[in-house]
N, C-alpha and C. Protein backbone atom coordinates (compact mmCIF):
# COMPACT_ATOMS: atom_id res chain seq x y z
N PRO A 1 42.17 -4.91 6.76
CA PRO A 1 41.25 -4.97 7.87
C PRO A 1 41.45 -3.80 8.84
N PHE A 2 42.72 -3.39 9.07
CA PHE A 2 42.98 -2.30 9.99
C PHE A 2 42.36 -1.01 9.48
N ILE A 3 42.46 -0.73 8.18
CA ILE A 3 41.90 0.47 7.59
C ILE A 3 40.38 0.46 7.74
N ALA A 4 39.76 -0.68 7.50
CA ALA A 4 38.30 -0.78 7.65
C ALA A 4 37.92 -0.50 9.10
N PHE A 5 38.73 -1.00 10.07
CA PHE A 5 38.46 -0.76 11.48
C PHE A 5 38.56 0.72 11.79
N CYS A 6 39.58 1.39 11.25
CA CYS A 6 39.75 2.84 11.47
C CYS A 6 38.60 3.65 10.88
N ILE A 7 38.19 3.26 9.70
CA ILE A 7 37.05 3.93 9.06
C ILE A 7 35.79 3.77 9.90
N ALA A 8 35.57 2.55 10.41
CA ALA A 8 34.39 2.31 11.23
C ALA A 8 34.42 3.14 12.49
N ILE A 9 35.58 3.28 13.14
CA ILE A 9 35.71 4.11 14.35
C ILE A 9 35.43 5.57 13.97
N TYR A 10 36.01 6.05 12.89
CA TYR A 10 35.82 7.43 12.46
C TYR A 10 34.35 7.70 12.19
N MET A 11 33.71 6.78 11.49
CA MET A 11 32.29 6.98 11.15
C MET A 11 31.44 7.01 12.41
N ARG A 12 31.75 6.13 13.35
CA ARG A 12 30.98 6.08 14.58
C ARG A 12 31.09 7.38 15.34
N LYS A 13 32.26 7.99 15.35
CA LYS A 13 32.49 9.23 16.08
C LYS A 13 31.95 10.47 15.36
N ASN A 14 32.06 10.48 14.03
CA ASN A 14 31.81 11.72 13.28
C ASN A 14 30.56 11.75 12.43
N CYS A 15 29.90 10.63 12.23
CA CYS A 15 28.74 10.63 11.37
C CYS A 15 27.48 10.39 12.18
N LYS A 16 26.48 11.15 11.87
CA LYS A 16 25.21 10.97 12.53
C LYS A 16 24.49 9.78 11.90
N PRO A 17 23.81 8.99 12.70
CA PRO A 17 23.07 7.87 12.11
C PRO A 17 21.91 8.39 11.24
N ALA A 18 21.56 7.61 10.26
CA ALA A 18 20.43 7.97 9.42
C ALA A 18 19.17 8.04 10.25
N VAL A 19 18.41 9.05 10.03
CA VAL A 19 17.19 9.25 10.82
C VAL A 19 16.04 8.62 10.04
N LYS A 20 15.29 7.77 10.76
CA LYS A 20 14.14 7.17 10.13
C LYS A 20 13.04 8.23 9.98
N PRO A 21 12.35 8.27 8.85
CA PRO A 21 11.32 9.27 8.72
C PRO A 21 10.17 9.01 9.70
N SER A 22 9.51 10.07 10.10
CA SER A 22 8.36 9.93 10.98
C SER A 22 7.25 9.23 10.20
N ALA A 23 6.23 8.80 10.92
CA ALA A 23 5.09 8.14 10.26
C ALA A 23 4.46 9.09 9.26
N ALA A 24 4.32 10.37 9.65
CA ALA A 24 3.71 11.35 8.75
C ALA A 24 4.58 11.56 7.51
N ALA A 25 5.89 11.59 7.70
CA ALA A 25 6.79 11.77 6.56
C ALA A 25 6.73 10.56 5.64
N ALA A 26 6.63 9.37 6.23
CA ALA A 26 6.54 8.14 5.43
C ALA A 26 5.26 8.14 4.59
N VAL A 27 4.16 8.56 5.19
CA VAL A 27 2.88 8.65 4.47
C VAL A 27 3.00 9.67 3.34
N ALA A 28 3.62 10.81 3.62
CA ALA A 28 3.79 11.84 2.60
C ALA A 28 4.64 11.35 1.44
N MET A 29 5.69 10.59 1.73
CA MET A 29 6.55 10.05 0.68
C MET A 29 5.79 9.04 -0.18
N ALA A 30 5.00 8.18 0.48
CA ALA A 30 4.22 7.19 -0.25
C ALA A 30 3.19 7.86 -1.13
N THR A 31 2.56 8.90 -0.61
CA THR A 31 1.54 9.64 -1.38
C THR A 31 2.22 10.32 -2.55
N SER A 32 3.38 10.89 -2.33
CA SER A 32 4.10 11.55 -3.41
C SER A 32 4.44 10.55 -4.52
N ARG A 33 4.85 9.33 -4.15
CA ARG A 33 5.13 8.30 -5.15
C ARG A 33 3.87 7.95 -5.93
N LYS A 34 2.73 7.85 -5.21
CA LYS A 34 1.47 7.54 -5.87
C LYS A 34 1.06 8.66 -6.81
N LEU A 35 1.34 9.90 -6.40
CA LEU A 35 0.99 11.03 -7.26
C LEU A 35 1.84 11.01 -8.53
N ARG A 36 3.13 10.69 -8.42
CA ARG A 36 3.98 10.56 -9.60
C ARG A 36 3.47 9.44 -10.49
N ALA A 37 3.06 8.33 -9.89
CA ALA A 37 2.53 7.20 -10.69
C ALA A 37 1.26 7.63 -11.39
N PHE A 38 0.43 8.43 -10.71
CA PHE A 38 -0.80 8.91 -11.32
C PHE A 38 -0.51 9.83 -12.50
N LYS A 39 0.44 10.73 -12.34
CA LYS A 39 0.79 11.64 -13.44
C LYS A 39 1.39 10.86 -14.60
N ASN A 40 2.16 9.84 -14.34
CA ASN A 40 2.67 8.98 -15.40
C ASN A 40 1.53 8.23 -16.07
N TRP A 41 0.59 7.76 -15.28
CA TRP A 41 -0.60 7.09 -15.83
C TRP A 41 -1.36 8.04 -16.74
N MET A 42 -1.54 9.27 -16.30
CA MET A 42 -2.26 10.26 -17.14
C MET A 42 -1.55 10.42 -18.50
N LYS A 43 -0.22 10.52 -18.49
CA LYS A 43 0.52 10.64 -19.74
C LYS A 43 0.30 9.42 -20.63
N SER A 44 0.38 8.23 -20.02
CA SER A 44 0.24 7.01 -20.80
C SER A 44 -1.17 6.87 -21.40
N GLN A 45 -2.16 7.46 -20.74
CA GLN A 45 -3.54 7.40 -21.18
C GLN A 45 -3.94 8.59 -22.06
N HIS A 46 -2.96 9.43 -22.35
CA HIS A 46 -3.19 10.63 -23.19
C HIS A 46 -4.18 11.60 -22.55
N VAL A 47 -4.17 11.65 -21.23
CA VAL A 47 -4.94 12.64 -20.50
C VAL A 47 -4.13 13.93 -20.50
N GLU A 48 -4.75 15.00 -20.96
CA GLU A 48 -4.05 16.28 -21.01
C GLU A 48 -4.71 17.27 -20.04
N CYS A 49 -3.89 17.87 -19.20
CA CYS A 49 -4.36 18.87 -18.25
C CYS A 49 -3.80 20.23 -18.63
N SER A 50 -4.62 21.24 -18.48
CA SER A 50 -4.20 22.60 -18.72
C SER A 50 -3.13 23.01 -17.74
N ASP A 51 -2.26 23.93 -18.16
CA ASP A 51 -1.26 24.49 -17.24
C ASP A 51 -1.92 25.29 -16.13
N ALA A 52 -3.22 25.54 -16.26
CA ALA A 52 -3.96 26.29 -15.22
C ALA A 52 -4.27 25.40 -14.03
N LEU A 53 -4.02 24.08 -14.15
CA LEU A 53 -4.33 23.15 -13.06
C LEU A 53 -3.04 22.60 -12.45
N ASP A 54 -3.15 22.25 -11.17
CA ASP A 54 -2.05 21.60 -10.50
C ASP A 54 -2.63 20.49 -9.64
N VAL A 55 -2.09 19.29 -9.75
CA VAL A 55 -2.49 18.16 -8.92
C VAL A 55 -1.47 18.07 -7.81
N VAL A 56 -1.92 18.20 -6.56
CA VAL A 56 -1.00 18.29 -5.42
C VAL A 56 -1.46 17.40 -4.27
N VAL A 57 -0.49 17.12 -3.42
CA VAL A 57 -0.78 16.45 -2.14
C VAL A 57 -1.08 17.53 -1.14
N THR A 58 -2.23 17.42 -0.45
CA THR A 58 -2.61 18.38 0.58
C THR A 58 -1.60 18.30 1.72
N THR A 59 -1.14 19.44 2.20
CA THR A 59 -0.07 19.46 3.17
C THR A 59 -0.42 18.83 4.51
N ASN A 60 -1.64 18.94 4.96
CA ASN A 60 -2.02 18.42 6.27
C ASN A 60 -2.52 16.99 6.25
N SER A 61 -2.55 16.37 5.09
CA SER A 61 -3.03 15.00 5.01
C SER A 61 -2.36 14.33 3.81
N SER A 62 -2.78 13.15 3.55
CA SER A 62 -2.26 12.46 2.37
C SER A 62 -3.24 12.55 1.20
N ALA A 63 -4.20 13.46 1.32
CA ALA A 63 -5.19 13.62 0.27
C ALA A 63 -4.56 14.31 -0.97
N VAL A 64 -5.07 13.95 -2.11
CA VAL A 64 -4.61 14.56 -3.33
C VAL A 64 -5.75 15.43 -3.85
N SER A 65 -5.39 16.60 -4.33
CA SER A 65 -6.44 17.50 -4.85
C SER A 65 -5.97 18.19 -6.12
N VAL A 66 -6.93 18.71 -6.83
CA VAL A 66 -6.65 19.49 -8.04
C VAL A 66 -6.98 20.93 -7.71
N ARG A 67 -6.08 21.83 -8.02
CA ARG A 67 -6.36 23.24 -7.75
C ARG A 67 -6.05 24.05 -9.02
N ALA A 68 -6.79 25.15 -9.13
CA ALA A 68 -6.57 26.07 -10.23
C ALA A 68 -5.46 27.03 -9.82
N LEU A 69 -4.55 27.27 -10.75
CA LEU A 69 -3.43 28.18 -10.49
C LEU A 69 -3.76 29.61 -10.90
N CYS A 70 -4.91 29.76 -11.55
CA CYS A 70 -5.35 31.12 -11.96
C CYS A 70 -6.88 31.11 -12.01
N ASP A 71 -7.45 32.27 -12.21
CA ASP A 71 -8.91 32.35 -12.34
C ASP A 71 -9.32 31.62 -13.61
N LEU A 72 -10.39 30.86 -13.51
CA LEU A 72 -10.93 30.15 -14.66
C LEU A 72 -12.26 30.76 -15.05
N ASN A 73 -12.53 30.74 -16.31
CA ASN A 73 -13.79 31.29 -16.82
C ASN A 73 -14.66 30.14 -17.32
N VAL A 74 -15.95 30.36 -17.32
CA VAL A 74 -16.88 29.39 -17.90
C VAL A 74 -16.45 29.13 -19.34
N GLY A 75 -16.34 27.87 -19.69
CA GLY A 75 -15.97 27.48 -21.05
C GLY A 75 -14.49 27.21 -21.21
N ASP A 76 -13.65 27.54 -20.22
CA ASP A 76 -12.22 27.24 -20.30
C ASP A 76 -12.02 25.72 -20.31
N LEU A 77 -11.20 25.26 -21.22
CA LEU A 77 -10.89 23.84 -21.30
C LEU A 77 -9.77 23.56 -20.33
N VAL A 78 -10.00 22.73 -19.31
CA VAL A 78 -8.98 22.49 -18.31
C VAL A 78 -8.37 21.07 -18.41
N ALA A 79 -9.08 20.17 -19.09
CA ALA A 79 -8.54 18.81 -19.27
C ALA A 79 -9.24 18.14 -20.44
N THR A 80 -8.48 17.26 -21.07
CA THR A 80 -9.01 16.42 -22.14
C THR A 80 -8.75 14.98 -21.71
N ILE A 81 -9.82 14.22 -21.55
CA ILE A 81 -9.70 12.85 -21.07
C ILE A 81 -10.37 11.92 -22.09
N PRO A 82 -9.60 11.07 -22.76
CA PRO A 82 -10.21 10.15 -23.71
C PRO A 82 -11.23 9.21 -23.01
N LYS A 83 -12.32 8.90 -23.69
CA LYS A 83 -13.37 8.06 -23.08
C LYS A 83 -12.79 6.73 -22.61
N GLU A 84 -11.89 6.14 -23.38
CA GLU A 84 -11.34 4.84 -22.97
C GLU A 84 -10.47 4.91 -21.74
N SER A 85 -10.11 6.13 -21.31
CA SER A 85 -9.33 6.30 -20.09
C SER A 85 -10.20 6.47 -18.85
N CYS A 86 -11.50 6.55 -19.07
CA CYS A 86 -12.44 6.69 -17.93
C CYS A 86 -12.79 5.30 -17.41
N LEU A 87 -12.73 5.17 -16.12
CA LEU A 87 -13.06 3.87 -15.48
C LEU A 87 -14.58 3.76 -15.34
N THR A 88 -15.15 2.93 -16.19
CA THR A 88 -16.59 2.72 -16.22
C THR A 88 -16.86 1.22 -16.36
N VAL A 89 -18.11 0.85 -16.29
CA VAL A 89 -18.47 -0.55 -16.53
C VAL A 89 -18.03 -0.97 -17.91
N LYS A 90 -18.25 -0.12 -18.90
CA LYS A 90 -17.93 -0.45 -20.30
C LYS A 90 -16.42 -0.62 -20.53
N THR A 91 -15.59 0.07 -19.77
CA THR A 91 -14.14 -0.03 -20.00
C THR A 91 -13.45 -1.02 -19.07
N SER A 92 -14.17 -1.59 -18.13
CA SER A 92 -13.59 -2.49 -17.16
C SER A 92 -13.55 -3.93 -17.68
N GLY A 93 -12.58 -4.67 -17.21
CA GLY A 93 -12.51 -6.10 -17.52
C GLY A 93 -13.66 -6.87 -16.90
N ALA A 94 -14.36 -6.27 -15.98
CA ALA A 94 -15.50 -6.92 -15.31
C ALA A 94 -16.81 -6.67 -16.03
N ARG A 95 -16.75 -6.03 -17.18
CA ARG A 95 -17.97 -5.63 -17.89
C ARG A 95 -18.97 -6.77 -18.09
N GLN A 96 -18.49 -7.86 -18.65
CA GLN A 96 -19.41 -8.98 -18.96
C GLN A 96 -20.08 -9.51 -17.69
N MET A 97 -19.32 -9.71 -16.63
CA MET A 97 -19.88 -10.22 -15.39
C MET A 97 -20.93 -9.25 -14.81
N ILE A 98 -20.64 -7.96 -14.87
CA ILE A 98 -21.55 -6.95 -14.34
C ILE A 98 -22.84 -6.91 -15.15
N GLU A 99 -22.70 -6.93 -16.47
CA GLU A 99 -23.88 -6.89 -17.33
C GLU A 99 -24.72 -8.16 -17.18
N GLU A 100 -24.06 -9.31 -17.06
CA GLU A 100 -24.80 -10.57 -16.87
C GLU A 100 -25.54 -10.59 -15.53
N SER A 101 -24.97 -9.94 -14.53
CA SER A 101 -25.61 -9.85 -13.21
C SER A 101 -26.64 -8.74 -13.12
N GLU A 102 -26.74 -7.96 -14.20
CA GLU A 102 -27.69 -6.84 -14.30
C GLU A 102 -27.48 -5.82 -13.18
N LEU A 103 -26.22 -5.63 -12.80
CA LEU A 103 -25.91 -4.57 -11.83
C LEU A 103 -25.90 -3.22 -12.55
N GLU A 104 -26.31 -2.19 -11.81
CA GLU A 104 -26.33 -0.85 -12.40
C GLU A 104 -25.87 0.18 -11.38
N GLY A 105 -25.64 1.35 -11.88
CA GLY A 105 -25.36 2.51 -11.01
C GLY A 105 -24.16 2.35 -10.11
N ILE A 106 -24.32 2.84 -8.90
CA ILE A 106 -23.19 2.90 -7.95
C ILE A 106 -22.72 1.50 -7.57
N LEU A 107 -23.64 0.52 -7.53
CA LEU A 107 -23.24 -0.84 -7.20
C LEU A 107 -22.34 -1.41 -8.30
N ALA A 108 -22.70 -1.17 -9.55
CA ALA A 108 -21.87 -1.64 -10.67
C ALA A 108 -20.50 -0.98 -10.64
N LEU A 109 -20.46 0.30 -10.33
CA LEU A 109 -19.17 1.00 -10.27
C LEU A 109 -18.33 0.47 -9.11
N ALA A 110 -18.98 0.14 -7.99
CA ALA A 110 -18.24 -0.43 -6.84
C ALA A 110 -17.60 -1.75 -7.25
N VAL A 111 -18.31 -2.56 -8.00
CA VAL A 111 -17.76 -3.84 -8.47
C VAL A 111 -16.59 -3.58 -9.43
N VAL A 112 -16.75 -2.60 -10.30
CA VAL A 112 -15.67 -2.24 -11.22
C VAL A 112 -14.39 -1.90 -10.43
N ILE A 113 -14.55 -1.06 -9.42
CA ILE A 113 -13.39 -0.64 -8.65
C ILE A 113 -12.77 -1.82 -7.91
N MET A 114 -13.61 -2.65 -7.30
CA MET A 114 -13.09 -3.84 -6.60
C MET A 114 -12.34 -4.76 -7.56
N TYR A 115 -12.94 -4.98 -8.73
CA TYR A 115 -12.30 -5.86 -9.70
C TYR A 115 -10.97 -5.29 -10.17
N GLU A 116 -10.96 -4.04 -10.57
CA GLU A 116 -9.72 -3.44 -11.09
C GLU A 116 -8.66 -3.37 -9.98
N ARG A 117 -9.04 -3.09 -8.76
CA ARG A 117 -8.07 -3.07 -7.65
C ARG A 117 -7.49 -4.45 -7.42
N SER A 118 -8.31 -5.49 -7.61
CA SER A 118 -7.84 -6.86 -7.38
C SER A 118 -6.73 -7.24 -8.36
N LEU A 119 -6.69 -6.57 -9.52
CA LEU A 119 -5.66 -6.86 -10.50
C LEU A 119 -4.32 -6.23 -10.15
N GLY A 120 -4.35 -5.28 -9.24
CA GLY A 120 -3.09 -4.60 -8.85
C GLY A 120 -2.46 -3.91 -10.04
N PRO A 121 -1.15 -4.04 -10.18
CA PRO A 121 -0.44 -3.36 -11.28
C PRO A 121 -0.85 -3.83 -12.68
N LEU A 122 -1.58 -4.95 -12.77
CA LEU A 122 -2.03 -5.42 -14.08
C LEU A 122 -3.22 -4.65 -14.59
N SER A 123 -3.89 -3.89 -13.71
CA SER A 123 -5.04 -3.10 -14.12
C SER A 123 -4.59 -1.88 -14.92
N PRO A 124 -5.28 -1.59 -16.02
CA PRO A 124 -4.95 -0.37 -16.76
C PRO A 124 -5.13 0.90 -15.98
N TRP A 125 -5.86 0.81 -14.87
CA TRP A 125 -6.16 2.00 -14.05
C TRP A 125 -5.34 2.01 -12.75
N PHE A 126 -4.33 1.18 -12.66
CA PHE A 126 -3.56 1.06 -11.40
C PHE A 126 -3.04 2.41 -10.92
N GLY A 127 -2.46 3.20 -11.80
CA GLY A 127 -1.93 4.50 -11.41
C GLY A 127 -2.99 5.43 -10.87
N TYR A 128 -4.20 5.32 -11.37
CA TYR A 128 -5.31 6.13 -10.90
C TYR A 128 -5.88 5.58 -9.59
N LEU A 129 -6.08 4.27 -9.53
CA LEU A 129 -6.74 3.65 -8.38
C LEU A 129 -5.93 3.81 -7.09
N GLN A 130 -4.62 3.99 -7.19
CA GLN A 130 -3.80 4.14 -5.99
C GLN A 130 -4.17 5.40 -5.22
N LEU A 131 -4.76 6.38 -5.89
CA LEU A 131 -5.10 7.65 -5.21
C LEU A 131 -6.46 7.60 -4.54
N ILE A 132 -7.25 6.60 -4.83
CA ILE A 132 -8.58 6.51 -4.22
C ILE A 132 -8.47 5.79 -2.89
N PRO A 133 -8.96 6.40 -1.79
CA PRO A 133 -8.86 5.74 -0.50
C PRO A 133 -9.61 4.40 -0.50
N TYR A 134 -9.12 3.45 0.27
CA TYR A 134 -9.77 2.15 0.36
C TYR A 134 -11.04 2.19 1.17
N SER A 135 -11.12 3.15 2.08
CA SER A 135 -12.36 3.29 2.85
C SER A 135 -12.48 4.73 3.32
N GLU A 136 -13.67 5.06 3.69
CA GLU A 136 -13.93 6.39 4.25
C GLU A 136 -14.32 6.22 5.71
N PRO A 137 -13.82 7.05 6.58
CA PRO A 137 -14.09 6.89 8.01
C PRO A 137 -15.50 7.41 8.38
N ILE A 138 -16.53 6.68 7.92
CA ILE A 138 -17.91 7.09 8.24
C ILE A 138 -18.53 6.02 9.13
N PRO A 139 -19.38 6.42 10.07
CA PRO A 139 -19.98 5.46 11.02
C PRO A 139 -20.69 4.29 10.36
N LEU A 140 -21.26 4.48 9.20
CA LEU A 140 -21.97 3.41 8.50
C LEU A 140 -21.06 2.19 8.26
N LEU A 141 -19.76 2.44 8.09
CA LEU A 141 -18.82 1.37 7.80
C LEU A 141 -18.06 0.88 9.02
N TRP A 142 -18.32 1.41 10.19
CA TRP A 142 -17.60 1.01 11.40
C TRP A 142 -18.13 -0.31 11.94
N SER A 143 -17.24 -1.03 12.64
CA SER A 143 -17.66 -2.26 13.34
C SER A 143 -18.45 -1.85 14.60
N LEU A 144 -19.14 -2.80 15.20
CA LEU A 144 -19.90 -2.50 16.42
C LEU A 144 -18.99 -2.03 17.54
N SER A 145 -17.80 -2.60 17.66
CA SER A 145 -16.88 -2.15 18.71
C SER A 145 -16.41 -0.72 18.47
N GLN A 146 -16.20 -0.35 17.20
CA GLN A 146 -15.82 1.04 16.90
C GLN A 146 -16.97 1.99 17.22
N ILE A 147 -18.18 1.58 16.89
CA ILE A 147 -19.33 2.44 17.19
C ILE A 147 -19.45 2.63 18.70
N ASP A 148 -19.32 1.55 19.47
CA ASP A 148 -19.40 1.67 20.92
C ASP A 148 -18.31 2.55 21.50
N SER A 149 -17.08 2.41 21.02
CA SER A 149 -15.99 3.20 21.61
C SER A 149 -15.94 4.63 21.07
N LEU A 150 -16.23 4.84 19.81
CA LEU A 150 -16.07 6.15 19.21
C LEU A 150 -17.30 7.05 19.33
N LEU A 151 -18.48 6.44 19.46
CA LEU A 151 -19.69 7.24 19.53
C LEU A 151 -20.31 7.26 20.91
N ALA A 152 -19.68 6.61 21.88
CA ALA A 152 -20.25 6.55 23.25
C ALA A 152 -20.50 7.96 23.75
N GLY A 153 -21.72 8.16 24.27
CA GLY A 153 -22.09 9.46 24.84
C GLY A 153 -22.62 10.47 23.82
N THR A 154 -22.70 10.10 22.55
CA THR A 154 -23.19 11.03 21.55
C THR A 154 -24.64 10.72 21.22
N GLU A 155 -25.32 11.68 20.59
CA GLU A 155 -26.71 11.46 20.19
C GLU A 155 -26.82 10.35 19.15
N LEU A 156 -25.84 10.22 18.31
CA LEU A 156 -25.87 9.16 17.29
C LEU A 156 -25.82 7.79 17.95
N HIS A 157 -25.04 7.64 18.99
CA HIS A 157 -24.94 6.38 19.70
C HIS A 157 -26.27 6.05 20.39
N LYS A 158 -26.90 7.09 20.95
CA LYS A 158 -28.18 6.90 21.61
C LYS A 158 -29.26 6.45 20.63
N ALA A 159 -29.22 7.03 19.42
CA ALA A 159 -30.23 6.69 18.40
C ALA A 159 -30.03 5.26 17.93
N ASP A 160 -28.82 4.76 17.97
CA ASP A 160 -28.51 3.41 17.54
C ASP A 160 -28.96 2.37 18.57
N SER A 161 -29.01 2.75 19.84
CA SER A 161 -29.32 1.81 20.93
C SER A 161 -30.79 1.43 20.95
């Protein structure tokens, strides 16, 4: 017990406490984990990307982007993606429900994404879906209180009144 007490005193005097990451650093770490999960998902789905491409986290946000590492020419093959790895109505577990409801286009795809997201890690597209934002900050999707507080004094707010 005395040795443990001495070690505790020494550590208190000589060791700096662990620093909690800032909110921005925490978001960056989470995005980095999601990016690794996405790259692992691509491998598991036999998606092949050219060495001319790099999938990266944008430094000023948590957005993920694809960038070319060199000049590309028309006709250059930059990725090979098997059809069964594409998230579509036909490849989703929600296919039958969507077809029976006669949904089409963007609405059908929205249902596909909602359905596959609801499965969480059980979805074959989980590694991919983690990179898609849950919402976009556009006024069309804001609540009335957000519209009133964020658009007050703007032409858009006047047009809504």
